[in-house]
Amino acid sequence: MKQLSFVVNWYFKLLPLAPLICMIDYYTVHQGFRKLYGTSIMAVAIAILLVKGLKNSKIHYHIFLGFLVYLYYIIWDVINQLDTYQRKGFVYDFITNPYLQLIFLLFVIDNLIIFKKDVVLIVKILKGVMLAAGVVSIIQLVSDPFFLTPSSISEFSVGAGLQENVFEVRRVSLFGFTGRMDVSLSMIPVLAIIVSFGLKEYNRIEYLYLIIGGIIAFATNSRYVQVAYVFCWFPVIFSGRFSETIKRMLLIPVFALLAYLVIQIVGFDLHGYIEERILSDSASTRVLAYEMLVRFFPDNPLFGTGFNMTDELEIAIGGRSSQIHVGYFAHLFSYGLVGSILAFGFWFSIQYRLYRHALKTHFWGSFIGFLTFTWANVTLVYYIIFTFGMALAFLFDKYYISEYEKQLKEKQDDAEGN
């Protein structure tokens, strides 16, 4: 068991280094985040089960719910003859399936004992990664938008013609090596952890990392990332007494003014950015998504169409969008009420659990981190939760709720002793 604990502890110490490790992997063996970190966490989970046994292991209800979602997706794939398992093979899909990897990750964290020295070390590493990512984003802004960007991401941008427009090109900083969406689904959780950890442990506002996070979010040209970045300010603004809250709210216009001055100095076309990006008509695709759902969902309400795009939907969209561009609507269209109740129930059970824990521990980093995912699917279609940032959010939630429960038990024991 000691050897297994050693392996588990090192896994989570190497997890915050995922962007750098995956960058090295990209230029060498090219396995990717899910094979490096996903397959290994599954092996660790199986080892824990074998050592502790099923009866002695902690298995929360949301793990069962997640497994039901995985089974539904398998049945959905087979019935609709998508041939995923014929192409990949069941074993390969099993060890690389992001939903299963998430389930095994949650199981490992639920059965893990985390020490303060470990979370302190992880935060230090995360700060180093954020500093490096900030430098990469600045280079992508002022020089090469595809600097240190995987070819799959840069080629997609070039194919879509995005590289011609500085207001449309997607800059993924250093996070593209762990996943195409990790500039949001990992960067925001990492920033939220750093900010919340500073407030919780030292009553310190991490201004430097908030600025770096703002640069990275701004550079992405993705509005949902920029909105998610604002979430990271909530603990800063509302964590203190009322007078402190007022003072911290007054910091926002100061930061906005400083940002405006920097933008003017570097000669960035702020007016053009607002006109072409912030106020662009791409928001109409979300209205279109609602219209398409209302029109086609009643045809297959229980189990969905079985496909992300049907001929009828493609004709109705008429080139105005590539798909139903809201994750929740697209899921209802494809998987129906049954699949969506399972999936949404799984997602929101995690969100609610993190919320309840945050109310007790006053550590909001994990809740905000996962909120990035639930918010993202309001404006795009992406259902993979297994990212290194989300994994760290779950880890910190486990640490703080364990500390809370330990302190509560000590108080109860003291009260009984008196």
Foldseek 3Di string as FASTA:
>chain_A
DVVLLVVVLVLLLCLLVVLVVLLVCCVPVNPAQLLVNLLVLLVSLVVCCVVQPPVRFDQDPLLVLLVVLVVLVVVLCVVLVVCPCVVQNPVRCCSRPLSNSVSSLLRVLRRHDDDPVSVVSSLVSLVVVLVQLLVQLVCLLPPNLCVCADPVLVVVCVVVVVVVPQLRRFRQRSQNSNHVPCSQLALLLSLLQNQLCCCQPPVDGPVVSLVSNCSSQNNRSDVLSNVLSVVSCVCVQPVDPPVSNVVSVVVVVVVVVVVVVVCVVVVPPPVCSCVPRVPNPLVVLQVVLVVLLVVQCVVPAAAAPSDLDDPVRCVVCPPVDPGSFAALSSCCRNGHPNSSCSLVVSLVVVLVVLVVLCVQQVRCSLNSSSVSVVSVNRGGHDRRNPGSSNSVSSNVSSNRSVVSVVVVVVVVVVVVVD
